[in-house]
C-alpha atoms as a PDB file:
ATOM      1  CA  MET A   1       0.000   0.000   0.000  1.00  0.00           C
ATOM      2  CA  PRO A   2       1.524   3.372  -1.012  1.00  0.00           C
ATOM      3  CA  PRO A   3       2.350   5.658   1.950  1.00  0.00           C
ATOM      4  CA  GLU A   4      -0.232   8.282   0.974  1.00  0.00           C
ATOM      5  CA  ILE A   5      -2.969   5.639   0.864  1.00  0.00           C
ATOM      6  CA  SER A   6      -1.794   4.013   4.079  1.00  0.00           C
ATOM      7  CA  ASP A   7      -1.771   7.385   5.867  1.00  0.00           C
ATOM      8  CA  LYS A   8      -5.296   8.182   4.690  1.00  0.00           C
ATOM      9  CA  VAL A   9      -6.605   4.781   5.785  1.00  0.00           C
ATOM     10  CA  HIS A  10      -4.907   5.048   9.170  1.00  0.00           C
ATOM     11  CA  GLN A  11      -6.131   8.580   9.803  1.00  0.00           C
ATOM     12  CA  TYR A  12      -9.731   7.531   9.192  1.00  0.00           C
ATOM     13  CA  PHE A  13      -9.863   4.054  10.750  1.00  0.00           C
ATOM     14  CA  SER A  14      -7.783   4.875  13.842  1.00  0.00           C
ATOM     15  CA  GLN A  15     -10.558   7.118  15.175  1.00  0.00           C
ATOM     16  CA  TYR A  16     -12.549   3.987  16.028  1.00  0.00           C
ATOM     17  CA  PRO A  17     -12.135   1.860  19.192  1.00  0.00           C
ATOM     18  CA  LEU A  18      -8.860  -0.027  19.518  1.00  0.00           C
ATOM     19  CA  ARG A  19      -8.886  -3.575  20.827  1.00  0.00           C
ATOM     20  CA  HIS A  20      -6.000  -5.847  21.829  1.00  0.00           C
ATOM     21  CA  TYR A  21      -6.318  -9.597  21.325  1.00  0.00           C
ATOM     22  CA  PRO A  22      -3.858 -12.305  22.418  1.00  0.00           C
ATOM     23  CA  LYS A  23      -2.398 -14.934  20.130  1.00  0.00           C
ATOM     24  CA  GLY A  24      -4.948 -17.646  19.403  1.00  0.00           C
ATOM     25  CA  GLN A  25      -8.035 -15.517  20.099  1.00  0.00           C
ATOM     26  CA  ILE A  26     -10.912 -16.288  17.709  1.00  0.00           C
ATOM     27  CA  LEU A  27     -12.227 -12.969  16.394  1.00  0.00           C
ATOM     28  CA  VAL A  28     -15.064 -14.252  14.216  1.00  0.00           C
ATOM     29  CA  PHE A  29     -16.705 -17.672  13.938  1.00  0.00           C
ATOM     30  CA  PRO A  30     -18.387 -19.160  10.842  1.00  0.00           C
ATOM     31  CA  ASP A  31     -21.971 -17.933  10.369  1.00  0.00           C
ATOM     32  CA  GLU A  32     -21.198 -14.970  12.619  1.00  0.00           C
ATOM     33  CA  ASN A  33     -21.574 -11.597  10.916  1.00  0.00           C
ATOM     34  CA  PRO A  34     -20.165  -8.821  13.123  1.00  0.00           C
ATOM     35  CA  PRO A  35     -21.463  -5.249  12.732  1.00  0.00           C
ATOM     36  CA  HIS A  36     -17.916  -4.012  12.118  1.00  0.00           C
ATOM     37  CA  ILE A  37     -14.772  -4.710  10.136  1.00  0.00           C
ATOM     38  CA  PHE A  38     -11.285  -4.930  11.588  1.00  0.00           C
ATOM     39  CA  TYR A  39      -8.443  -2.552  10.766  1.00  0.00           C
ATOM     40  CA  ILE A  40      -5.192  -4.215  11.820  1.00  0.00           C
ATOM     41  CA  THR A  41      -2.272  -2.105  13.048  1.00  0.00           C
ATOM     42  CA  LYS A  42      -0.145  -4.797  14.709  1.00  0.00           C
ATOM     43  CA  GLY A  43       0.280  -8.548  14.293  1.00  0.00           C
ATOM     44  CA  ARG A  44      -1.321 -11.044  11.911  1.00  0.00           C
ATOM     45  CA  VAL A  45      -4.813 -12.511  11.592  1.00  0.00           C
ATOM     46  CA  ARG A  46      -5.527 -15.864   9.944  1.00  0.00           C
ATOM     47  CA  GLN A  47      -8.695 -16.605   7.972  1.00  0.00           C
ATOM     48  CA  TYR A  48      -9.282 -20.331   7.800  1.00  0.00           C
ATOM     49  CA  ASP A  49     -11.690 -23.219   7.440  1.00  0.00           C
ATOM     50  CA  VAL A  50     -11.622 -26.616   9.154  1.00  0.00           C
ATOM     51  CA  SER A  51     -11.436 -29.842   7.158  1.00  0.00           C
ATOM     52  CA  TYR A  52     -13.456 -32.969   7.898  1.00  0.00           C
ATOM     53  CA  ARG A  53     -10.332 -34.282   9.676  1.00  0.00           C
ATOM     54  CA  GLY A  54     -10.304 -31.253  11.971  1.00  0.00           C
ATOM     55  CA  ASP A  55      -7.254 -29.664  10.293  1.00  0.00           C
ATOM     56  CA  GLU A  56      -6.993 -25.933   9.660  1.00  0.00           C
ATOM     57  CA  ILE A  57      -7.039 -24.898   5.993  1.00  0.00           C
ATOM     58  CA  VAL A  58      -5.722 -21.359   5.641  1.00  0.00           C
ATOM     59  CA  ILE A  59      -7.646 -19.113   3.246  1.00  0.00           C
ATOM     60  CA  ASN A  60      -5.776 -15.857   3.822  1.00  0.00           C
ATOM     61  CA  THR A  61      -3.574 -14.023   6.284  1.00  0.00           C
ATOM     62  CA  PHE A  62      -3.897 -10.316   7.074  1.00  0.00           C
ATOM     63  CA  LYS A  63      -1.187  -7.967   8.290  1.00  0.00           C
ATOM     64  CA  PRO A  64      -1.044  -4.160   8.756  1.00  0.00           C
ATOM     65  CA  PRO A  65      -2.529  -2.064   7.231  1.00  0.00           C
ATOM     66  CA  ALA A  66      -5.257  -4.480   6.038  1.00  0.00           C
ATOM     67  CA  PHE A  67      -8.951  -4.111   6.823  1.00  0.00           C
ATOM     68  CA  PHE A  68     -11.356  -7.032   6.654  1.00  0.00           C
ATOM     69  CA  PRO A  69     -13.751  -8.796   6.004  1.00  0.00           C
ATOM     70  CA  MET A  70     -14.883  -6.413   3.262  1.00  0.00           C
ATOM     71  CA  SER A  71     -17.113  -9.005   1.542  1.00  0.00           C
ATOM     72  CA  TRP A  72     -19.520  -8.692   4.454  1.00  0.00           C
ATOM     73  CA  ALA A  73     -19.271  -4.896   4.648  1.00  0.00           C
ATOM     74  CA  LEU A  74     -19.829  -4.329   0.915  1.00  0.00           C
ATOM     75  CA  ASN A  75     -22.052  -7.216  -0.153  1.00  0.00           C
ATOM     76  CA  ALA A  76     -23.484  -8.628   3.074  1.00  0.00           C
ATOM     77  CA  THR A  77     -21.962 -11.957   2.005  1.00  0.00           C
ATOM     78  CA  PRO A  78     -22.469 -14.404   4.895  1.00  0.00           C
ATOM     79  CA  ASN A  79     -19.228 -15.323   6.608  1.00  0.00           C
ATOM     80  CA  LYS A  80     -18.207 -18.998   6.413  1.00  0.00           C
ATOM     81  CA  TYR A  81     -14.759 -18.812   7.988  1.00  0.00           C
ATOM     82  CA  PHE A  82     -12.871 -18.467  11.238  1.00  0.00           C
ATOM     83  CA  TYR A  83     -10.724 -15.391  11.856  1.00  0.00           C
ATOM     84  CA  LYS A  84      -8.045 -15.943  14.497  1.00  0.00           C
ATOM     85  CA  ALA A  85      -5.202 -13.867  15.924  1.00  0.00           C
ATOM     86  CA  GLU A  86      -2.102 -15.604  14.580  1.00  0.00           C
ATOM     87  CA  THR A  87      -0.016 -13.394  16.875  1.00  0.00           C
ATOM     88  CA  ALA A  88      -0.987 -10.817  19.474  1.00  0.00           C
ATOM     89  CA  VAL A  89      -2.862  -8.164  17.468  1.00  0.00           C
ATOM     90  CA  ASP A  90      -4.119  -4.586  17.704  1.00  0.00           C
ATOM     91  CA  LEU A  91      -7.337  -3.935  15.796  1.00  0.00           C
ATOM     92  CA  HIS A  92      -9.673  -0.984  15.344  1.00  0.00           C
ATOM     93  CA  LEU A  93     -13.362  -1.914  15.102  1.00  0.00           C
ATOM     94  CA  VAL A  94     -14.998   0.090  12.293  1.00  0.00           C
ATOM     95  CA  PRO A  95     -18.773  -0.060  11.645  1.00  0.00           C
ATOM     96  CA  CYS A  96     -19.468  -1.713   8.283  1.00  0.00           C
ATOM     97  CA  GLY A  97     -21.510   1.235   7.003  1.00  0.00           C
ATOM     98  CA  ASP A  98     -18.743   3.695   7.826  1.00  0.00           C
ATOM     99  CA  ALA A  99     -16.126   1.537   6.093  1.00  0.00           C
ATOM    100  CA  ALA A 100     -18.276   1.260   2.938  1.00  0.00           C
ATOM    101  CA  ALA A 101     -18.923   5.017   2.920  1.00  0.00           C
ATOM    102  CA  PHE A 102     -15.189   5.691   3.282  1.00  0.00           C
ATOM    103  CA  LEU A 103     -14.437   3.595   0.200  1.00  0.00           C
ATOM    104  CA  GLN A 104     -17.167   5.346  -1.795  1.00  0.00           C
ATOM    105  CA  GLN A 105     -15.721   8.730  -0.890  1.00  0.00           C
ATOM    106  CA  ASN A 106     -12.104   7.748  -1.560  1.00  0.00           C
ATOM    107  CA  PRO A 107     -11.745   6.014  -4.938  1.00  0.00           C
ATOM    108  CA  ASP A 108      -7.945   5.980  -4.631  1.00  0.00           C
ATOM    109  CA  VAL A 109      -8.262   3.754  -1.557  1.00  0.00           C
ATOM    110  CA  THR A 110     -10.813   1.573  -3.342  1.00  0.00           C
ATOM    111  CA  LEU A 111      -8.528   1.183  -6.362  1.00  0.00           C
ATOM    112  CA  ASP A 112      -5.636   0.191  -4.118  1.00  0.00           C
ATOM    113  CA  LEU A 113      -7.888  -2.337  -2.368  1.00  0.00           C
ATOM    114  CA  LEU A 114      -8.837  -3.864  -5.725  1.00  0.00           C
ATOM    115  CA  GLY A 115      -5.184  -4.051  -6.746  1.00  0.00           C
ATOM    116  CA  ARG A 116      -4.266  -5.873  -3.539  1.00  0.00           C
ATOM    117  CA  LEU A 117      -7.266  -8.153  -3.938  1.00  0.00           C
ATOM    118  CA  TYR A 118      -6.162  -9.215  -7.420  1.00  0.00           C
ATOM    119  CA  ARG A 119      -2.593  -9.773  -6.277  1.00  0.00           C
ATOM    120  CA  GLY A 120      -3.966 -12.019  -3.571  1.00  0.00           C
ATOM    121  CA  LEU A 121      -6.092 -13.864  -6.096  1.00  0.00           C
ATOM    122  CA  GLU A 122      -3.002 -14.695  -8.128  1.00  0.00           C
ATOM    123  CA  GLY A 123      -1.758 -16.627  -5.132  1.00  0.00           C
ATOM    124  CA  VAL A 124      -5.121 -18.376  -4.800  1.00  0.00           C
ATOM    125  CA  TYR A 125      -5.108 -19.287  -8.509  1.00  0.00           C
ATOM    126  CA  GLY A 126      -1.612 -20.695  -8.161  1.00  0.00           C
ATOM    127  CA  ARG A 127      -2.679 -22.748  -5.162  1.00  0.00           C
ATOM    128  CA  LEU A 128      -5.662 -24.118  -7.084  1.00  0.00           C
ATOM    129  CA  ALA A 129      -3.490 -25.028 -10.057  1.00  0.00           C
ATOM    130  CA  ARG A 130      -1.020 -26.882  -7.819  1.00  0.00           C
ATOM    131  CA  LEU A 131      -3.863 -28.588  -5.991  1.00  0.00           C
ATOM    132  CA  MET A 132      -5.406 -29.863  -9.223  1.00  0.00           C
ATOM    133  CA  SER A 133      -2.279 -30.864 -11.118  1.00  0.00           C
ATOM    134  CA  GLY A 134       0.760 -30.535  -8.892  1.00  0.00           C
ATOM    135  CA  THR A 135       2.590 -32.805  -6.492  1.00  0.00           C
ATOM    136  CA  ALA A 136       3.098 -32.369  -2.768  1.00  0.00           C
ATOM    137  CA  TYR A 137       6.564 -31.050  -3.607  1.00  0.00           C
ATOM    138  CA  THR A 138       5.367 -28.311  -5.996  1.00  0.00           C
ATOM    139  CA  ARG A 139       2.535 -27.361  -3.638  1.00  0.00           C
ATOM    140  CA  LEU A 140       5.091 -26.768  -0.908  1.00  0.00           C
ATOM    141  CA  LEU A 141       7.295 -24.733  -3.268  1.00  0.00           C
ATOM    142  CA  HIS A 142       4.307 -22.545  -4.136  1.00  0.00           C
ATOM    143  CA  GLU A 143       3.459 -21.876  -0.494  1.00  0.00           C
ATOM    144  CA  LEU A 144       7.066 -21.016   0.337  1.00  0.00           C
ATOM    145  CA  LEU A 145       7.209 -18.475  -2.490  1.00  0.00           C
ATOM    146  CA  VAL A 146       3.886 -16.875  -1.528  1.00  0.00           C
ATOM    147  CA  GLU A 147       4.990 -16.618   2.090  1.00  0.00           C
ATOM    148  CA  ALA A 148       8.391 -15.203   1.115  1.00  0.00           C
ATOM    149  CA  ARG A 149       6.861 -12.554  -1.142  1.00  0.00           C
ATOM    150  CA  ARG A 150       4.116 -11.458   1.232  1.00  0.00           C
ATOM    151  CA  TYR A 151       5.667 -11.756   4.675  1.00  0.00           C
ATOM    152  CA  GLY A 152       9.315 -12.747   4.325  1.00  0.00           C
ATOM    153  CA  GLU A 153      12.017 -10.809   6.173  1.00  0.00           C
ATOM    154  CA  PRO A 154      15.111 -10.295   3.979  1.00  0.00           C
ATOM    155  CA  LEU A 155      18.332 -11.077   5.816  1.00  0.00           C
ATOM    156  CA  PRO A 156      21.844  -9.672   5.230  1.00  0.00           C
ATOM    157  CA  ASP A 157      23.098 -12.953   3.729  1.00  0.00           C
ATOM    158  CA  GLY A 158      20.437 -12.825   0.982  1.00  0.00           C
ATOM    159  CA  SER A 159      18.160 -15.421   2.524  1.00  0.00           C
ATOM    160  CA  VAL A 160      14.555 -14.743   3.572  1.00  0.00           C
ATOM    161  CA  LEU A 161      13.194 -15.545   7.027  1.00  0.00           C
ATOM    162  CA  LEU A 162       9.658 -16.932   7.186  1.00  0.00           C
ATOM    163  CA  LYS A 163       8.064 -16.943  10.626  1.00  0.00           C
ATOM    164  CA  VAL A 164       6.254 -20.201   9.960  1.00  0.00           C
ATOM    165  CA  ASN A 165       6.711 -23.824  10.930  1.00  0.00           C
ATOM    166  CA  GLU A 166       5.830 -27.084   9.235  1.00  0.00           C
ATOM    167  CA  THR A 167       2.382 -27.125  10.851  1.00  0.00           C
ATOM    168  CA  ASP A 168       1.656 -23.711   9.313  1.00  0.00           C
ATOM    169  CA  LEU A 169       2.793 -24.894   5.884  1.00  0.00           C
ATOM    170  CA  ALA A 170       0.518 -27.915   6.192  1.00  0.00           C
ATOM    171  CA  ALA A 171      -2.416 -25.586   6.902  1.00  0.00           C
ATOM    172  CA  PHE A 172      -1.537 -23.350   3.951  1.00  0.00           C
ATOM    173  CA  SER A 173      -1.156 -26.192   1.469  1.00  0.00           C
ATOM    174  CA  GLY A 174      -3.792 -28.651   2.676  1.00  0.00           C
ATOM    175  CA  LEU A 175      -1.116 -31.324   3.052  1.00  0.00           C
ATOM    176  CA  SER A 176      -0.461 -33.392   6.155  1.00  0.00           C
ATOM    177  CA  ARG A 177       2.231 -32.410   8.641  1.00  0.00           C
ATOM    178  CA  GLU A 178       4.080 -35.647   7.851  1.00  0.00           C
ATOM    179  CA  THR A 179       4.078 -34.921   4.116  1.00  0.00           C
ATOM    180  CA  ILE A 180       5.404 -31.410   4.691  1.00  0.00           C
ATOM    181  CA  SER A 181       8.208 -32.774   6.869  1.00  0.00           C
ATOM    182  CA  ARG A 182       9.219 -35.223   4.143  1.00  0.00           C
ATOM    183  CA  GLU A 183       9.249 -32.552   1.432  1.00  0.00           C
ATOM    184  CA  VAL A 184      11.095 -30.029   3.602  1.00  0.00           C
ATOM    185  CA  ARG A 185      13.854 -32.605   4.122  1.00  0.00           C
ATOM    186  CA  LYS A 186      14.313 -32.701   0.344  1.00  0.00           C
ATOM    187  CA  LEU A 187      14.685 -28.915   0.211  1.00  0.00           C
ATOM    188  CA  LYS A 188      17.125 -28.932   3.125  1.00  0.00           C
ATOM    189  CA  ALA A 189      19.222 -31.562   1.345  1.00  0.00           C
ATOM    190  CA  LYS A 190      19.413 -29.255  -1.702  1.00  0.00           C
ATOM    191  CA  GLY A 191      20.450 -26.345   0.507  1.00  0.00           C
ATOM    192  CA  TRP A 192      17.380 -24.286  -0.383  1.00  0.00           C
ATOM    193  CA  VAL A 193      15.860 -23.975   3.096  1.00  0.00           C
ATOM    194  CA  GLY A 194      16.926 -24.282   6.702  1.00  0.00           C
ATOM    195  CA  LEU A 195      15.228 -24.293  10.081  1.00  0.00           C
ATOM    196  CA  ASP A 196      16.135 -22.149  13.085  1.00  0.00           C
ATOM    197  CA  LYS A 197      14.506 -20.916  16.279  1.00  0.00           C
ATOM    198  CA  ASP A 198      12.783 -17.997  14.502  1.00  0.00           C
ATOM    199  CA  GLY A 199      11.125 -20.056  11.780  1.00  0.00           C
ATOM    200  CA  MET A 200      12.147 -21.244   8.350  1.00  0.00           C
ATOM    201  CA  ARG A 201      14.933 -19.660   6.338  1.00  0.00           C
ATOM    202  CA  VAL A 202      14.634 -19.720   2.548  1.00  0.00           C
ATOM    203  CA  LYS A 203      18.238 -19.678   1.390  1.00  0.00           C
ATOM    204  CA  ASP A 204      17.673 -19.661  -2.381  1.00  0.00           C
ATOM    205  CA  VAL A 205      14.411 -18.090  -3.535  1.00  0.00           C
ATOM    206  CA  ALA A 206      15.548 -18.077  -7.177  1.00  0.00           C
ATOM    207  CA  ALA A 207      16.165 -21.828  -7.142  1.00  0.00           C
ATOM    208  CA  ILE A 208      12.682 -22.461  -5.768  1.00  0.00           C
ATOM    209  CA  GLU A 209      11.174 -20.190  -8.435  1.00  0.00           C
ATOM    210  CA  ARG A 210      13.006 -22.061 -11.202  1.00  0.00           C
ATOM    211  CA  ALA A 211      11.986 -25.454  -9.811  1.00  0.00           C
ATOM    212  CA  LEU A 212       8.348 -24.398  -9.599  1.00  0.00           C
ATOM    213  CA  GLU A 213       8.336 -23.044 -13.136  1.00  0.00           C
ATOM    214  CA  ALA A 214       9.869 -26.288 -14.393  1.00  0.00           C
ATOM    215  CA  GLY A 215       7.489 -28.394 -12.325  1.00  0.00           C
ATOM    216  CA  ASP A 216      10.446 -30.246 -10.804  1.00  0.00           C
END
């Protein structure tokens, strides 16, 4: 989000009540339609579903300065997902009507929202393509690249730190924890990723991109 857009969004949404939620707090349950949206200023929020096995299936992850769920605010689309604080979070609660009016009055913010929505959809399309025709290996490669591009922390040695673990990657990809562990071992053997106390380190993003493009 460009700084001028981010500043405008923050100036408007920060006038509403601020709430602090601990890690793991469920913010919204399926079939629950809150009278407000959330504007996040700190932390990360996970949108997910639960499979028939009881596993989390991640739909999206929100970080500052996102505001959500706009499908309910704009279209009154019934909510079917859980929203959970992935970390401790700070959120402003903005009435749905006020959020919709703000977008109507600020087309530059609306255009930026659409741009971010379509960028997010590219990741969803890629996930669907891997799900329908890919292997467990290529599905993992896709999730690593999405995570690196959206949330990765570049490090001085050229690697990218992802604050995720194998359980998170299983939730993102729809694969089992055991399958993820097996595929991560392959990437570690190639020297493309490593594990440390802060999460997973992607050591060679370019190599993963080339492997995904080649379907290897």
